[in-house]
Amino acid sequence: MSVAESFVERLYSDDSFLISVIKASGINDVPKGHKTTETETDEMMARAARQLGYEISTEEYAAAIKAQTQKVGAWKAIKFLIRLTRLAKKAEKGKI
């Protein structure tokens, strides 16, 4: 298993780790109303991974998240995005 795959699997399974990634990624610093592109999001997540000690590139992260989505299926991927969004909003408000 690659470092990127390990990182993404942990994102899917560990809420406290996901919170750490959200805080390190700068997702909450994106100006209101700005729609981030998939590439921008991948760059933020890969940067957060590197800050947390995972040496991965943006391309490796993008490939790993795509592989994880295919592995778990669309429904679980959607549930992950909903969880990510909820936790990001809580982090933004300082509740976590």
C-alpha atoms as a PDB file:
ATOM      1  CA  MET A   1       0.000   0.000   0.000  1.00  0.00           C
ATOM      2  CA  SER A   2       1.351   3.393  -0.936  1.00  0.00           C
ATOM      3  CA  VAL A   3       1.689   6.286   1.483  1.00  0.00           C
ATOM      4  CA  ALA A   4      -1.092   8.162  -0.335  1.00  0.00           C
ATOM      5  CA  GLU A   5      -3.451   5.177  -0.116  1.00  0.00           C
ATOM      6  CA  SER A   6      -2.706   4.829   3.591  1.00  0.00           C
ATOM      7  CA  PHE A   7      -3.416   8.531   4.108  1.00  0.00           C
ATOM      8  CA  VAL A   8      -6.740   8.384   2.241  1.00  0.00           C
ATOM      9  CA  GLU A   9      -7.881   5.225   4.032  1.00  0.00           C
ATOM     10  CA  ARG A  10      -7.183   6.916   7.342  1.00  0.00           C
ATOM     11  CA  LEU A  11      -9.191   9.952   6.196  1.00  0.00           C
ATOM     12  CA  TYR A  12     -12.173   7.704   5.567  1.00  0.00           C
ATOM     13  CA  SER A  13     -11.956   5.855   8.873  1.00  0.00           C
ATOM     14  CA  ASP A  14     -10.650   8.248  11.557  1.00  0.00           C
ATOM     15  CA  ASP A  15     -12.656  11.384  12.402  1.00  0.00           C
ATOM     16  CA  SER A  16      -9.980  12.858  14.667  1.00  0.00           C
ATOM     17  CA  PHE A  17      -7.423  12.463  11.875  1.00  0.00           C
ATOM     18  CA  LEU A  18      -9.880  14.005   9.408  1.00  0.00           C
ATOM     19  CA  ILE A  19     -10.252  17.006  11.715  1.00  0.00           C
ATOM     20  CA  SER A  20      -6.456  17.397  11.843  1.00  0.00           C
ATOM     21  CA  VAL A  21      -6.312  17.307   8.053  1.00  0.00           C
ATOM     22  CA  ILE A  22      -9.122  19.865   7.728  1.00  0.00           C
ATOM     23  CA  LYS A  23      -7.308  22.247  10.045  1.00  0.00           C
ATOM     24  CA  ALA A  24      -3.955  21.750   8.273  1.00  0.00           C
ATOM     25  CA  SER A  25      -5.427  22.007   4.773  1.00  0.00           C
ATOM     26  CA  GLY A  26      -6.704  25.562   4.946  1.00  0.00           C
ATOM     27  CA  ILE A  27     -10.070  24.528   3.531  1.00  0.00           C
ATOM     28  CA  ASN A  28     -11.783  26.876   5.962  1.00  0.00           C
ATOM     29  CA  ASP A  29      -9.629  29.785   4.749  1.00  0.00           C
ATOM     30  CA  VAL A  30     -11.171  29.703   1.276  1.00  0.00           C
ATOM     31  CA  PRO A  31     -13.180  32.909   0.760  1.00  0.00           C
ATOM     32  CA  LYS A  32     -16.953  32.558   1.004  1.00  0.00           C
ATOM     33  CA  GLY A  33     -18.562  32.012  -2.357  1.00  0.00           C
ATOM     34  CA  HIS A  34     -15.358  30.724  -4.003  1.00  0.00           C
ATOM     35  CA  LYS A  35     -15.922  27.369  -5.641  1.00  0.00           C
ATOM     36  CA  THR A  36     -12.687  25.435  -5.359  1.00  0.00           C
ATOM     37  CA  THR A  37     -11.753  23.235  -8.239  1.00  0.00           C
ATOM     38  CA  GLU A  38     -10.942  19.579  -7.783  1.00  0.00           C
ATOM     39  CA  THR A  39      -7.278  20.406  -8.434  1.00  0.00           C
ATOM     40  CA  GLU A  40      -7.267  23.119  -5.756  1.00  0.00           C
ATOM     41  CA  THR A  41      -8.840  20.748  -3.251  1.00  0.00           C
ATOM     42  CA  ASP A  42      -6.327  18.023  -4.115  1.00  0.00           C
ATOM     43  CA  GLU A  43      -3.482  20.516  -3.616  1.00  0.00           C
ATOM     44  CA  MET A  44      -4.819  21.602  -0.215  1.00  0.00           C
ATOM     45  CA  MET A  45      -5.252  18.013   0.950  1.00  0.00           C
ATOM     46  CA  ALA A  46      -1.810  16.933  -0.297  1.00  0.00           C
ATOM     47  CA  ARG A  47      -0.230  19.955   1.438  1.00  0.00           C
ATOM     48  CA  ALA A  48      -2.027  19.002   4.660  1.00  0.00           C
ATOM     49  CA  ALA A  49      -0.784  15.437   4.294  1.00  0.00           C
ATOM     50  CA  ARG A  50       2.795  16.682   3.999  1.00  0.00           C
ATOM     51  CA  GLN A  51       2.339  18.884   7.082  1.00  0.00           C
ATOM     52  CA  LEU A  52       1.196  15.792   8.969  1.00  0.00           C
ATOM     53  CA  GLY A  53       4.225  13.763   7.878  1.00  0.00           C
ATOM     54  CA  TYR A  54       2.893  11.960   4.801  1.00  0.00           C
ATOM     55  CA  GLU A  55       5.240  12.589   1.882  1.00  0.00           C
ATOM     56  CA  ILE A  56       2.821  12.550  -1.049  1.00  0.00           C
ATOM     57  CA  SER A  57       2.359  14.661  -4.147  1.00  0.00           C
ATOM     58  CA  THR A  58      -0.870  16.203  -5.328  1.00  0.00           C
ATOM     59  CA  GLU A  59      -1.024  13.644  -8.140  1.00  0.00           C
ATOM     60  CA  GLU A  60      -0.544  10.743  -5.704  1.00  0.00           C
ATOM     61  CA  TYR A  61      -3.318  12.093  -3.484  1.00  0.00           C
ATOM     62  CA  ALA A  62      -5.660  12.529  -6.475  1.00  0.00           C
ATOM     63  CA  ALA A  63      -5.002   8.964  -7.642  1.00  0.00           C
ATOM     64  CA  ALA A  64      -5.452   7.552  -4.134  1.00  0.00           C
ATOM     65  CA  ILE A  65      -8.742   9.377  -3.511  1.00  0.00           C
ATOM     66  CA  LYS A  66     -10.041   8.199  -6.883  1.00  0.00           C
ATOM     67  CA  ALA A  67      -9.023   4.601  -6.121  1.00  0.00           C
ATOM     68  CA  GLN A  68     -10.633   4.788  -2.658  1.00  0.00           C
ATOM     69  CA  THR A  69     -13.856   6.137  -4.138  1.00  0.00           C
ATOM     70  CA  GLN A  70     -13.978   3.246  -6.597  1.00  0.00           C
ATOM     71  CA  LYS A  71     -13.131   0.775  -3.835  1.00  0.00           C
ATOM     72  CA  VAL A  72     -15.851   1.874  -1.396  1.00  0.00           C
ATOM     73  CA  GLY A  73     -18.465   2.836  -3.956  1.00  0.00           C
ATOM     74  CA  ALA A  74     -20.402   5.988  -4.644  1.00  0.00           C
ATOM     75  CA  TRP A  75     -22.649   5.874  -1.589  1.00  0.00           C
ATOM     76  CA  LYS A  76     -19.799   5.630   0.931  1.00  0.00           C
ATOM     77  CA  ALA A  77     -17.869   8.305  -0.966  1.00  0.00           C
ATOM     78  CA  ILE A  78     -20.866  10.637  -0.736  1.00  0.00           C
ATOM     79  CA  LYS A  79     -21.217   9.905   2.982  1.00  0.00           C
ATOM     80  CA  PHE A  80     -17.511  10.731   3.422  1.00  0.00           C
ATOM     81  CA  LEU A  81     -17.933  14.084   1.651  1.00  0.00           C
ATOM     82  CA  ILE A  82     -20.932  14.913   3.835  1.00  0.00           C
ATOM     83  CA  ARG A  83     -18.923  14.040   6.957  1.00  0.00           C
ATOM     84  CA  LEU A  84     -15.983  16.101   5.691  1.00  0.00           C
ATOM     85  CA  THR A  85     -18.243  19.101   5.065  1.00  0.00           C
ATOM     86  CA  ARG A  86     -19.909  18.870   8.475  1.00  0.00           C
ATOM     87  CA  LEU A  87     -16.587  18.599  10.290  1.00  0.00           C
ATOM     88  CA  ALA A  88     -15.133  21.493   8.272  1.00  0.00           C
ATOM     89  CA  LYS A  89     -18.091  23.677   9.258  1.00  0.00           C
ATOM     90  CA  LYS A  90     -17.670  22.739  12.926  1.00  0.00           C
ATOM     91  CA  ALA A  91     -13.949  23.486  12.724  1.00  0.00           C
ATOM     92  CA  GLU A  92     -14.666  26.831  11.109  1.00  0.00           C
ATOM     93  CA  LYS A  93     -16.981  27.763  13.962  1.00  0.00           C
ATOM     94  CA  GLY A  94     -14.393  26.637  16.523  1.00  0.00           C
ATOM     95  CA  LYS A  95     -16.557  23.832  17.854  1.00  0.00           C
ATOM     96  CA  ILE A  96     -13.848  21.223  17.346  1.00  0.00           C
END
